[in-house]
Amino acid sequence: MPLRPCFRGLPVVLMSLLLLAVGCSGAAQPRPEPTPDRESATMAASLGDPRTVDPCSLIDPASLTEFGEARNAGTVSLDYCLFRMRMADGALAQLKVGELAREVPGQADPVVGEGPLRIAQEAPLPGHCTRRVLFGDGNSLLVSADQLDGSPGAALCGMAEAGARDVVAAIGRQQVAHRPYPANSLALSDPCRVLGTEVVRQVPGLEQAEPVASPAGHQCQWGAADAASPRVRLVHTAGAPPAVLHGSAVQERIAGRRTVTSVVGGDPSTPLCSAETGHIPFGEPGGGQVEVAMLVVAYPDGTGLDACEFARGLAERAWQELPRS
């Protein structure tokens, strides 16, 4: 059955959802004793099952006190933990810990540290600084500091460095915790299989696309990650239930599931669209958070309305393959 795009309504914000936080719960699981062999310090040997890692277990907020007061900022992702930092001078920053990434071949940032886990120091950008904890298998764990208001300046890289050292120490002490997800959790569902490649290839420009999964298995992308190329991304995340946040968003039912569809940013000329559906509850009971499947379509040869046509057609297929809630 061919992909049938449709044209009724629009969707809700996306990139902001990809850059938010994670709730923190879970019991520590025994970890194998770290070895001095750098090649053996793989992501799996260091963390266990990357799908279920509780990233908030990787850092102790007390280690950040030299920079100010740190507090957990809440959960909006399955992949990382977010802390808000109120600096002594009143400036506000955030520290994001735990997102897993594949190393780019030829990446040549300075590397510090000894032993099986080392830290790569990315060059800082205005209001942003990142450190990468390097595993021996081409994967890394990101610790990023961002300025929200005021001017923390050089403290951003100090915060990222302190966070990365905390991650290395937590792994060395075998203190990585894992969340006890139920069998029907999105965390355990492969988005590359939920949205099959044969369906994505019906989008013009993606006829030869291959799926690229994130190391934690919560995201899958088809197409190049640049503004000039069409691409499709399916993300399994967590946070507040999808909501209609602006005039270019609409609530509808797709494949029997409540879905919020939106031209990203609300401008119909922006060729970017998201479709989101809530799943089972996530986090502390009564907290109001849910797991969320978010489908994002970029279609630079058209408008946001065109991108939404494809987003709806793809969501029609993908939502049918999600675990039962």
C-alpha atoms as a PDB file:
ATOM      1  CA  MET A   1       0.000   0.000   0.000  1.00  0.00           C
ATOM      2  CA  PRO A   2       1.659   3.271  -1.102  1.00  0.00           C
ATOM      3  CA  LEU A   3       2.326   6.055   1.365  1.00  0.00           C
ATOM      4  CA  ARG A   4      -0.638   8.443   1.202  1.00  0.00           C
ATOM      5  CA  PRO A   5       0.156  11.930   2.510  1.00  0.00           C
ATOM      6  CA  CYS A   6      -2.785  14.028   3.701  1.00  0.00           C
ATOM      7  CA  PHE A   7      -3.456  17.686   4.252  1.00  0.00           C
ATOM      8  CA  ARG A   8      -5.500  18.433   7.336  1.00  0.00           C
ATOM      9  CA  GLY A   9      -3.781  20.465  10.033  1.00  0.00           C
ATOM     10  CA  LEU A  10      -0.238  20.954  11.229  1.00  0.00           C
ATOM     11  CA  PRO A  11       2.190  19.830  14.077  1.00  0.00           C
ATOM     12  CA  VAL A  12       4.025  20.917  17.297  1.00  0.00           C
ATOM     13  CA  VAL A  13       7.623  21.877  18.220  1.00  0.00           C
ATOM     14  CA  LEU A  14      10.524  19.485  17.559  1.00  0.00           C
ATOM     15  CA  MET A  15      14.134  20.506  17.913  1.00  0.00           C
ATOM     16  CA  SER A  16      13.468  21.842  21.408  1.00  0.00           C
ATOM     17  CA  LEU A  17      12.135  18.403  22.354  1.00  0.00           C
ATOM     18  CA  LEU A  18      15.305  16.797  21.041  1.00  0.00           C
ATOM     19  CA  LEU A  19      17.397  19.052  23.270  1.00  0.00           C
ATOM     20  CA  LEU A  20      15.657  18.671  26.635  1.00  0.00           C
ATOM     21  CA  ALA A  21      16.056  16.571  29.833  1.00  0.00           C
ATOM     22  CA  VAL A  22      15.617  13.226  31.559  1.00  0.00           C
ATOM     23  CA  GLY A  23      14.049  12.090  34.778  1.00  0.00           C
ATOM     24  CA  CYS A  24      16.071  10.111  37.227  1.00  0.00           C
ATOM     25  CA  SER A  25      15.074   6.853  38.818  1.00  0.00           C
ATOM     26  CA  GLY A  26      16.397   3.342  38.848  1.00  0.00           C
ATOM     27  CA  ALA A  27      18.491   0.950  40.857  1.00  0.00           C
ATOM     28  CA  ALA A  28      22.210   0.456  40.288  1.00  0.00           C
ATOM     29  CA  GLN A  29      23.115  -2.752  38.519  1.00  0.00           C
ATOM     30  CA  PRO A  30      26.422  -4.601  39.082  1.00  0.00           C
ATOM     31  CA  ARG A  31      28.998  -3.633  36.496  1.00  0.00           C
ATOM     32  CA  PRO A  32      32.035  -5.651  35.424  1.00  0.00           C
ATOM     33  CA  GLU A  33      35.308  -4.432  36.907  1.00  0.00           C
ATOM     34  CA  PRO A  34      36.901  -1.850  34.553  1.00  0.00           C
ATOM     35  CA  THR A  35      40.145  -2.960  32.920  1.00  0.00           C
ATOM     36  CA  PRO A  36      43.130  -0.847  31.900  1.00  0.00           C
ATOM     37  CA  ASP A  37      42.779  -2.051  28.324  1.00  0.00           C
ATOM     38  CA  ARG A  38      41.366   0.914  26.383  1.00  0.00           C
ATOM     39  CA  GLU A  39      39.911  -1.284  23.644  1.00  0.00           C
ATOM     40  CA  SER A  40      37.902  -3.265  26.201  1.00  0.00           C
ATOM     41  CA  ALA A  41      36.262  -0.126  27.621  1.00  0.00           C
ATOM     42  CA  THR A  42      33.377  -0.355  25.167  1.00  0.00           C
ATOM     43  CA  MET A  43      30.072   1.388  25.656  1.00  0.00           C
ATOM     44  CA  ALA A  44      28.360  -1.879  26.609  1.00  0.00           C
ATOM     45  CA  ALA A  45      31.140  -2.974  28.989  1.00  0.00           C
ATOM     46  CA  SER A  46      31.102   0.438  30.676  1.00  0.00           C
ATOM     47  CA  LEU A  47      27.345   1.086  30.833  1.00  0.00           C
ATOM     48  CA  GLY A  48      25.502  -2.193  30.312  1.00  0.00           C
ATOM     49  CA  ASP A  49      22.377  -2.032  28.135  1.00  0.00           C
ATOM     50  CA  PRO A  50      22.482   1.535  26.741  1.00  0.00           C
ATOM     51  CA  ARG A  51      18.700   1.540  26.207  1.00  0.00           C
ATOM     52  CA  THR A  52      17.964   1.472  29.929  1.00  0.00           C
ATOM     53  CA  VAL A  53      20.777   3.573  31.443  1.00  0.00           C
ATOM     54  CA  ASP A  54      19.595   6.172  33.947  1.00  0.00           C
ATOM     55  CA  PRO A  55      21.855   9.089  32.966  1.00  0.00           C
ATOM     56  CA  CYS A  56      21.126  10.917  36.220  1.00  0.00           C
ATOM     57  CA  SER A  57      23.046   8.195  38.056  1.00  0.00           C
ATOM     58  CA  LEU A  58      26.227   9.269  36.259  1.00  0.00           C
ATOM     59  CA  ILE A  59      26.675  12.568  38.057  1.00  0.00           C
ATOM     60  CA  ASP A  60      26.513  13.835  41.635  1.00  0.00           C
ATOM     61  CA  PRO A  61      25.142  17.407  41.792  1.00  0.00           C
ATOM     62  CA  ALA A  62      27.392  17.987  44.799  1.00  0.00           C
ATOM     63  CA  SER A  63      30.398  17.861  42.466  1.00  0.00           C
ATOM     64  CA  LEU A  64      29.111  21.029  40.784  1.00  0.00           C
ATOM     65  CA  THR A  65      28.859  23.189  43.908  1.00  0.00           C
ATOM     66  CA  GLU A  66      32.001  25.141  43.023  1.00  0.00           C
ATOM     67  CA  PHE A  67      30.030  26.612  40.107  1.00  0.00           C
ATOM     68  CA  GLY A  68      26.771  27.322  41.945  1.00  0.00           C
ATOM     69  CA  GLU A  69      23.585  25.571  42.983  1.00  0.00           C
ATOM     70  CA  ALA A  70      22.593  22.588  40.824  1.00  0.00           C
ATOM     71  CA  ARG A  71      19.124  21.095  40.635  1.00  0.00           C
ATOM     72  CA  ASN A  72      17.569  18.455  38.427  1.00  0.00           C
ATOM     73  CA  ALA A  73      15.504  20.128  35.710  1.00  0.00           C
ATOM     74  CA  GLY A  74      13.084  17.250  35.089  1.00  0.00           C
ATOM     75  CA  THR A  75      12.596  14.652  32.383  1.00  0.00           C
ATOM     76  CA  VAL A  76      12.006  15.306  28.712  1.00  0.00           C
ATOM     77  CA  SER A  77      14.180  12.584  27.183  1.00  0.00           C
ATOM     78  CA  LEU A  78      15.095   8.933  27.533  1.00  0.00           C
ATOM     79  CA  ASP A  79      18.700   9.775  26.656  1.00  0.00           C
ATOM     80  CA  TYR A  80      20.068  12.398  29.036  1.00  0.00           C
ATOM     81  CA  CYS A  81      19.719  14.150  32.387  1.00  0.00           C
ATOM     82  CA  LEU A  82      19.460  17.932  32.650  1.00  0.00           C
ATOM     83  CA  PHE A  83      20.617  20.107  35.541  1.00  0.00           C
ATOM     84  CA  ARG A  84      19.949  23.813  35.990  1.00  0.00           C
ATOM     85  CA  MET A  85      22.847  25.760  37.498  1.00  0.00           C
ATOM     86  CA  ARG A  86      22.312  29.062  39.340  1.00  0.00           C
ATOM     87  CA  MET A  87      25.742  30.656  39.441  1.00  0.00           C
ATOM     88  CA  ALA A  88      27.006  32.731  42.364  1.00  0.00           C
ATOM     89  CA  ASP A  89      26.646  35.928  40.275  1.00  0.00           C
ATOM     90  CA  GLY A  90      23.020  35.075  39.401  1.00  0.00           C
ATOM     91  CA  ALA A  91      23.687  33.752  35.891  1.00  0.00           C
ATOM     92  CA  LEU A  92      21.710  30.667  34.829  1.00  0.00           C
ATOM     93  CA  ALA A  93      23.203  27.726  32.944  1.00  0.00           C
ATOM     94  CA  GLN A  94      22.283  24.111  32.275  1.00  0.00           C
ATOM     95  CA  LEU A  95      24.301  20.902  32.164  1.00  0.00           C
ATOM     96  CA  LYS A  96      23.142  18.024  29.959  1.00  0.00           C
ATOM     97  CA  VAL A  97      24.619  14.616  30.789  1.00  0.00           C
ATOM     98  CA  GLY A  98      24.376  11.202  29.204  1.00  0.00           C
ATOM     99  CA  GLU A  99      23.523  11.446  25.507  1.00  0.00           C
ATOM    100  CA  LEU A 100      25.401   8.796  23.544  1.00  0.00           C
ATOM    101  CA  ALA A 101      26.923   9.594  20.152  1.00  0.00           C
ATOM    102  CA  ARG A 102      29.120   7.979  17.549  1.00  0.00           C
ATOM    103  CA  GLU A 103      32.538   9.516  17.067  1.00  0.00           C
ATOM    104  CA  VAL A 104      33.113  11.212  13.715  1.00  0.00           C
ATOM    105  CA  PRO A 105      36.109   9.764  11.804  1.00  0.00           C
ATOM    106  CA  GLY A 106      38.948  12.251  11.837  1.00  0.00           C
ATOM    107  CA  GLN A 107      37.616  14.177  14.822  1.00  0.00           C
ATOM    108  CA  ALA A 108      40.755  15.631  16.412  1.00  0.00           C
ATOM    109  CA  ASP A 109      39.836  17.414  19.651  1.00  0.00           C
ATOM    110  CA  PRO A 110      42.386  17.422  22.492  1.00  0.00           C
ATOM    111  CA  VAL A 111      42.068  14.324  24.694  1.00  0.00           C
ATOM    112  CA  VAL A 112      42.941  14.233  28.393  1.00  0.00           C
ATOM    113  CA  GLY A 113      43.022  11.564  31.081  1.00  0.00           C
ATOM    114  CA  GLU A 114      44.559   8.156  31.618  1.00  0.00           C
ATOM    115  CA  GLY A 115      43.129   4.649  31.690  1.00  0.00           C
ATOM    116  CA  PRO A 116      40.345   3.036  29.671  1.00  0.00           C
ATOM    117  CA  LEU A 117      38.091   6.135  29.576  1.00  0.00           C
ATOM    118  CA  ARG A 118      39.393   9.503  28.397  1.00  0.00           C
ATOM    119  CA  ILE A 119      37.778  12.885  27.820  1.00  0.00           C
ATOM    120  CA  ALA A 120      37.794  14.810  24.534  1.00  0.00           C
ATOM    121  CA  GLN A 121      37.610  18.603  24.842  1.00  0.00           C
ATOM    122  CA  GLU A 122      35.583  20.236  22.072  1.00  0.00           C
ATOM    123  CA  ALA A 123      36.414  23.853  21.263  1.00  0.00           C
ATOM    124  CA  PRO A 124      33.892  26.085  23.065  1.00  0.00           C
ATOM    125  CA  LEU A 125      31.259  28.074  21.188  1.00  0.00           C
ATOM    126  CA  PRO A 126      29.582  31.258  22.466  1.00  0.00           C
ATOM    127  CA  GLY A 127      27.366  30.135  25.339  1.00  0.00           C
ATOM    128  CA  HIS A 128      28.160  26.431  24.858  1.00  0.00           C
ATOM    129  CA  CYS A 129      30.856  23.918  25.807  1.00  0.00           C
ATOM    130  CA  THR A 130      30.972  20.110  25.402  1.00  0.00           C
ATOM    131  CA  ARG A 131      33.139  17.285  26.703  1.00  0.00           C
ATOM    132  CA  ARG A 132      32.970  13.726  25.339  1.00  0.00           C
ATOM    133  CA  VAL A 133      33.774  10.658  27.431  1.00  0.00           C
ATOM    134  CA  LEU A 134      35.379   8.305  24.906  1.00  0.00           C
ATOM    135  CA  PHE A 135      34.720   4.578  24.830  1.00  0.00           C
ATOM    136  CA  GLY A 136      36.981   2.121  23.017  1.00  0.00           C
ATOM    137  CA  ASP A 137      34.462   1.207  20.319  1.00  0.00           C
ATOM    138  CA  GLY A 138      33.926   4.520  18.533  1.00  0.00           C
ATOM    139  CA  ASN A 139      31.104   5.701  20.793  1.00  0.00           C
ATOM    140  CA  SER A 140      31.124   8.554  23.294  1.00  0.00           C
ATOM    141  CA  LEU A 141      28.990  10.042  26.054  1.00  0.00           C
ATOM    142  CA  LEU A 142      28.322  13.787  25.888  1.00  0.00           C
ATOM    143  CA  VAL A 143      28.380  16.298  28.730  1.00  0.00           C
ATOM    144  CA  SER A 144      27.326  19.778  27.547  1.00  0.00           C
ATOM    145  CA  ALA A 145      27.001  23.110  29.361  1.00  0.00           C
ATOM    146  CA  ASP A 146      24.872  25.935  27.957  1.00  0.00           C
ATOM    147  CA  GLN A 147      24.323  29.509  29.052  1.00  0.00           C
ATOM    148  CA  LEU A 148      20.640  30.346  29.591  1.00  0.00           C
ATOM    149  CA  ASP A 149      20.962  33.910  30.874  1.00  0.00           C
ATOM    150  CA  GLY A 150      23.646  36.140  32.349  1.00  0.00           C
ATOM    151  CA  SER A 151      27.280  35.474  31.498  1.00  0.00           C
ATOM    152  CA  PRO A 152      28.834  32.389  33.095  1.00  0.00           C
ATOM    153  CA  GLY A 153      31.630  32.653  30.475  1.00  0.00           C
ATOM    154  CA  ALA A 154      34.597  30.385  31.102  1.00  0.00           C
ATOM    155  CA  ALA A 155      32.678  28.513  33.825  1.00  0.00           C
ATOM    156  CA  LEU A 156      30.770  26.591  31.115  1.00  0.00           C
ATOM    157  CA  CYS A 157      33.796  24.511  30.121  1.00  0.00           C
ATOM    158  CA  GLY A 158      34.667  24.006  33.780  1.00  0.00           C
ATOM    159  CA  MET A 159      31.157  22.669  34.404  1.00  0.00           C
ATOM    160  CA  ALA A 160      31.333  20.337  31.396  1.00  0.00           C
ATOM    161  CA  GLU A 161      34.768  19.101  32.471  1.00  0.00           C
ATOM    162  CA  ALA A 162      33.610  18.468  36.047  1.00  0.00           C
ATOM    163  CA  GLY A 163      30.542  16.621  34.758  1.00  0.00           C
ATOM    164  CA  ALA A 164      32.639  14.438  32.445  1.00  0.00           C
ATOM    165  CA  ARG A 165      35.036  13.562  35.272  1.00  0.00           C
ATOM    166  CA  ASP A 166      32.023  12.612  37.394  1.00  0.00           C
ATOM    167  CA  VAL A 167      30.798  10.285  34.629  1.00  0.00           C
ATOM    168  CA  VAL A 168      34.196   8.576  34.402  1.00  0.00           C
ATOM    169  CA  ALA A 169      34.280   8.171  38.190  1.00  0.00           C
ATOM    170  CA  ALA A 170      30.733   6.764  38.333  1.00  0.00           C
ATOM    171  CA  ILE A 171      31.576   4.172  35.682  1.00  0.00           C
ATOM    172  CA  GLY A 172      34.793   3.264  37.493  1.00  0.00           C
ATOM    173  CA  ARG A 173      32.873   2.782  40.773  1.00  0.00           C
ATOM    174  CA  GLN A 174      30.288   0.610  38.984  1.00  0.00           C
ATOM    175  CA  GLN A 175      27.525   3.066  39.930  1.00  0.00           C
ATOM    176  CA  VAL A 176      25.668   3.096  36.610  1.00  0.00           C
ATOM    177  CA  ALA A 177      21.950   2.669  37.349  1.00  0.00           C
ATOM    178  CA  HIS A 178      19.313   1.290  34.989  1.00  0.00           C
ATOM    179  CA  ARG A 179      15.599   2.010  34.781  1.00  0.00           C
ATOM    180  CA  PRO A 180      13.178  -0.932  35.100  1.00  0.00           C
ATOM    181  CA  TYR A 181      11.207  -0.299  31.906  1.00  0.00           C
ATOM    182  CA  PRO A 182       8.124  -2.490  31.256  1.00  0.00           C
ATOM    183  CA  ALA A 183       8.141  -4.753  28.210  1.00  0.00           C
ATOM    184  CA  ASN A 184       5.898  -2.357  26.239  1.00  0.00           C
ATOM    185  CA  SER A 185       8.140   0.674  26.832  1.00  0.00           C
ATOM    186  CA  LEU A 186       9.328   2.725  23.875  1.00  0.00           C
ATOM    187  CA  ALA A 187      12.802   2.557  25.435  1.00  0.00           C
ATOM    188  CA  LEU A 188      12.953  -1.109  24.430  1.00  0.00           C
ATOM    189  CA  SER A 189      11.414  -0.611  20.965  1.00  0.00           C
ATOM    190  CA  ASP A 190      13.727  -0.116  17.964  1.00  0.00           C
ATOM    191  CA  PRO A 191      12.568   3.000  16.021  1.00  0.00           C
ATOM    192  CA  CYS A 192      14.350   1.740  12.889  1.00  0.00           C
ATOM    193  CA  ARG A 193      11.979  -1.236  12.884  1.00  0.00           C
ATOM    194  CA  VAL A 194       8.905   0.736  13.970  1.00  0.00           C
ATOM    195  CA  LEU A 195       9.240   2.873  10.843  1.00  0.00           C
ATOM    196  CA  GLY A 196      10.505   0.562   8.134  1.00  0.00           C
ATOM    197  CA  THR A 197      12.967   1.784   5.517  1.00  0.00           C
ATOM    198  CA  GLU A 198      10.722   0.690   2.651  1.00  0.00           C
ATOM    199  CA  VAL A 199       8.109   3.191   3.849  1.00  0.00           C
ATOM    200  CA  VAL A 200      10.595   6.057   4.257  1.00  0.00           C
ATOM    201  CA  ARG A 201      11.905   5.489   0.732  1.00  0.00           C
ATOM    202  CA  GLN A 202       8.548   6.631  -0.641  1.00  0.00           C
ATOM    203  CA  VAL A 203       9.491  10.198   0.343  1.00  0.00           C
ATOM    204  CA  PRO A 204      11.039  11.971  -2.706  1.00  0.00           C
ATOM    205  CA  GLY A 205      14.786  12.240  -2.288  1.00  0.00           C
ATOM    206  CA  LEU A 206      15.011   9.322   0.153  1.00  0.00           C
ATOM    207  CA  GLU A 207      14.689   6.486  -2.380  1.00  0.00           C
ATOM    208  CA  GLN A 208      18.139   5.123  -1.414  1.00  0.00           C
ATOM    209  CA  ALA A 209      18.110   6.130   2.251  1.00  0.00           C
ATOM    210  CA  GLU A 210      19.460   3.752   4.885  1.00  0.00           C
ATOM    211  CA  PRO A 211      18.566   3.874   8.585  1.00  0.00           C
ATOM    212  CA  VAL A 212      21.136   5.216  11.045  1.00  0.00           C
ATOM    213  CA  ALA A 213      20.408   4.320  14.678  1.00  0.00           C
ATOM    214  CA  SER A 214      21.648   6.238  17.692  1.00  0.00           C
ATOM    215  CA  PRO A 215      23.939   4.293  20.076  1.00  0.00           C
ATOM    216  CA  ALA A 216      21.222   4.113  22.753  1.00  0.00           C
ATOM    217  CA  GLY A 217      18.681   2.804  20.226  1.00  0.00           C
ATOM    218  CA  HIS A 218      16.098   5.522  20.935  1.00  0.00           C
ATOM    219  CA  GLN A 219      16.466   7.388  17.628  1.00  0.00           C
ATOM    220  CA  CYS A 220      16.680   6.473  13.955  1.00  0.00           C
ATOM    221  CA  GLN A 221      17.353   8.789  11.022  1.00  0.00           C
ATOM    222  CA  TRP A 222      17.092   8.415   7.261  1.00  0.00           C
ATOM    223  CA  GLY A 223      18.799  11.018   5.070  1.00  0.00           C
ATOM    224  CA  ALA A 224      21.668  13.451   5.558  1.00  0.00           C
ATOM    225  CA  ALA A 225      21.585  15.838   8.507  1.00  0.00           C
ATOM    226  CA  ASP A 226      21.871  19.062   6.519  1.00  0.00           C
ATOM    227  CA  ALA A 227      19.379  21.779   5.661  1.00  0.00           C
ATOM    228  CA  ALA A 228      19.428  21.047   1.929  1.00  0.00           C
ATOM    229  CA  SER A 229      18.531  17.353   2.185  1.00  0.00           C
ATOM    230  CA  PRO A 230      15.249  15.598   2.925  1.00  0.00           C
ATOM    231  CA  ARG A 231      15.354  13.504   6.075  1.00  0.00           C
ATOM    232  CA  VAL A 232      13.093  11.563   8.421  1.00  0.00           C
ATOM    233  CA  ARG A 233      13.794  11.001  12.100  1.00  0.00           C
ATOM    234  CA  LEU A 234      11.869   8.890  14.612  1.00  0.00           C
ATOM    235  CA  VAL A 235      12.669   9.598  18.265  1.00  0.00           C
ATOM    236  CA  HIS A 236      11.479   7.700  21.337  1.00  0.00           C
ATOM    237  CA  THR A 237      11.594  10.158  24.216  1.00  0.00           C
ATOM    238  CA  ALA A 238       9.667  11.224  27.339  1.00  0.00           C
ATOM    239  CA  GLY A 239       8.103  14.317  28.848  1.00  0.00           C
ATOM    240  CA  ALA A 240       4.762  16.096  29.050  1.00  0.00           C
ATOM    241  CA  PRO A 241       1.988  14.697  26.826  1.00  0.00           C
ATOM    242  CA  PRO A 242       2.090  16.254  23.326  1.00  0.00           C
ATOM    243  CA  ALA A 243       0.156  19.520  23.282  1.00  0.00           C
ATOM    244  CA  VAL A 244      -1.045  22.058  20.727  1.00  0.00           C
ATOM    245  CA  LEU A 245       1.347  24.944  21.377  1.00  0.00           C
ATOM    246  CA  HIS A 246       0.738  27.338  18.487  1.00  0.00           C
ATOM    247  CA  GLY A 247      -1.604  28.113  15.626  1.00  0.00           C
ATOM    248  CA  SER A 248       0.122  25.797  13.172  1.00  0.00           C
ATOM    249  CA  ALA A 249      -0.400  22.774  15.392  1.00  0.00           C
ATOM    250  CA  VAL A 250      -3.402  20.472  15.360  1.00  0.00           C
ATOM    251  CA  GLN A 251      -4.597  17.543  17.453  1.00  0.00           C
ATOM    252  CA  GLU A 252      -5.923  14.611  15.437  1.00  0.00           C
ATOM    253  CA  ARG A 253      -6.141  10.825  15.460  1.00  0.00           C
ATOM    254  CA  ILE A 254      -3.680   8.894  13.354  1.00  0.00           C
ATOM    255  CA  ALA A 255      -3.817   5.090  13.345  1.00  0.00           C
ATOM    256  CA  GLY A 256      -6.200   5.362  16.280  1.00  0.00           C
ATOM    257  CA  ARG A 257      -3.731   7.312  18.435  1.00  0.00           C
ATOM    258  CA  ARG A 258      -4.068  10.893  19.670  1.00  0.00           C
ATOM    259  CA  THR A 259      -1.437  12.809  17.692  1.00  0.00           C
ATOM    260  CA  VAL A 260      -0.251  16.412  17.650  1.00  0.00           C
ATOM    261  CA  THR A 261       1.051  17.465  14.243  1.00  0.00           C
ATOM    262  CA  SER A 262       2.838  20.760  13.672  1.00  0.00           C
ATOM    263  CA  VAL A 263       4.844  22.812  11.236  1.00  0.00           C
ATOM    264  CA  VAL A 264       7.930  23.428  13.321  1.00  0.00           C
ATOM    265  CA  GLY A 265       8.101  27.001  14.533  1.00  0.00           C
ATOM    266  CA  GLY A 266       4.581  27.727  13.296  1.00  0.00           C
ATOM    267  CA  ASP A 267       5.673  29.238   9.933  1.00  0.00           C
ATOM    268  CA  PRO A 268       4.082  27.228   7.062  1.00  0.00           C
ATOM    269  CA  SER A 269       7.007  28.136   4.794  1.00  0.00           C
ATOM    270  CA  THR A 270       9.423  26.244   7.051  1.00  0.00           C
ATOM    271  CA  PRO A 271       9.787  22.786   5.426  1.00  0.00           C
ATOM    272  CA  LEU A 272       9.910  20.945   8.737  1.00  0.00           C
ATOM    273  CA  CYS A 273       7.076  19.046  10.423  1.00  0.00           C
ATOM    274  CA  SER A 274       6.652  16.879  13.503  1.00  0.00           C
ATOM    275  CA  ALA A 275       4.027  14.364  14.566  1.00  0.00           C
ATOM    276  CA  GLU A 276       3.949  13.223  18.209  1.00  0.00           C
ATOM    277  CA  THR A 277       1.933  10.687  20.142  1.00  0.00           C
ATOM    278  CA  GLY A 278       2.000   9.859  23.853  1.00  0.00           C
ATOM    279  CA  HIS A 279       2.503   6.349  25.169  1.00  0.00           C
ATOM    280  CA  ILE A 280       2.604   4.862  28.677  1.00  0.00           C
ATOM    281  CA  PRO A 281       3.316   6.865  31.891  1.00  0.00           C
ATOM    282  CA  PHE A 282       6.952   7.654  32.625  1.00  0.00           C
ATOM    283  CA  GLY A 283       8.777   8.605  35.818  1.00  0.00           C
ATOM    284  CA  GLU A 284       7.344   9.073  39.271  1.00  0.00           C
ATOM    285  CA  PRO A 285       3.670   8.074  39.705  1.00  0.00           C
ATOM    286  CA  GLY A 286       1.423  11.098  39.372  1.00  0.00           C
ATOM    287  CA  GLY A 287       4.159  13.168  37.739  1.00  0.00           C
ATOM    288  CA  GLY A 288       2.139  13.569  34.552  1.00  0.00           C
ATOM    289  CA  GLN A 289       4.960  12.559  32.222  1.00  0.00           C
ATOM    290  CA  VAL A 290       4.637   9.993  29.459  1.00  0.00           C
ATOM    291  CA  GLU A 291       6.806   8.293  26.899  1.00  0.00           C
ATOM    292  CA  VAL A 292       6.514  10.020  23.516  1.00  0.00           C
ATOM    293  CA  ALA A 293       7.094   8.869  19.940  1.00  0.00           C
ATOM    294  CA  MET A 294       8.106  11.856  17.818  1.00  0.00           C
ATOM    295  CA  LEU A 295       8.392  11.711  14.035  1.00  0.00           C
ATOM    296  CA  VAL A 296      10.178  14.606  12.301  1.00  0.00           C
ATOM    297  CA  VAL A 297      10.177  15.170   8.534  1.00  0.00           C
ATOM    298  CA  ALA A 298      12.341  17.708   6.695  1.00  0.00           C
ATOM    299  CA  TYR A 299      11.326  18.337   3.081  1.00  0.00           C
ATOM    300  CA  PRO A 300      13.404  21.273   1.727  1.00  0.00           C
ATOM    301  CA  ASP A 301      11.852  21.019  -1.760  1.00  0.00           C
ATOM    302  CA  GLY A 302       8.458  22.034  -0.361  1.00  0.00           C
ATOM    303  CA  THR A 303       6.738  23.849   2.474  1.00  0.00           C
ATOM    304  CA  GLY A 304       5.841  22.890   6.004  1.00  0.00           C
ATOM    305  CA  LEU A 305       2.462  21.760   4.689  1.00  0.00           C
ATOM    306  CA  ASP A 306       4.197  19.375   2.277  1.00  0.00           C
ATOM    307  CA  ALA A 307       6.377  18.037   5.089  1.00  0.00           C
ATOM    308  CA  CYS A 308       3.245  17.475   7.174  1.00  0.00           C
ATOM    309  CA  GLU A 309       1.641  15.460   4.389  1.00  0.00           C
ATOM    310  CA  PHE A 310       4.538  13.037   4.580  1.00  0.00           C
ATOM    311  CA  ALA A 311       4.663  13.138   8.390  1.00  0.00           C
ATOM    312  CA  ARG A 312       1.027  12.037   8.577  1.00  0.00           C
ATOM    313  CA  GLY A 313       1.512   9.256   6.059  1.00  0.00           C
ATOM    314  CA  LEU A 314       4.615   7.988   7.861  1.00  0.00           C
ATOM    315  CA  ALA A 315       2.945   8.254  11.280  1.00  0.00           C
ATOM    316  CA  GLU A 316       0.009   6.205   9.964  1.00  0.00           C
ATOM    317  CA  ARG A 317       2.454   3.366   9.356  1.00  0.00           C
ATOM    318  CA  ALA A 318       4.713   3.865  12.382  1.00  0.00           C
ATOM    319  CA  TRP A 319       2.015   4.210  15.044  1.00  0.00           C
ATOM    320  CA  GLN A 320       0.609   0.809  14.063  1.00  0.00           C
ATOM    321  CA  GLU A 321       3.964  -0.764  14.970  1.00  0.00           C
ATOM    322  CA  LEU A 322       4.373   0.862  18.381  1.00  0.00           C
ATOM    323  CA  PRO A 323       3.987  -1.378  21.461  1.00  0.00           C
ATOM    324  CA  ARG A 324       0.486  -1.559  22.837  1.00  0.00           C
ATOM    325  CA  SER A 325      -0.134   0.899  25.632  1.00  0.00           C
END
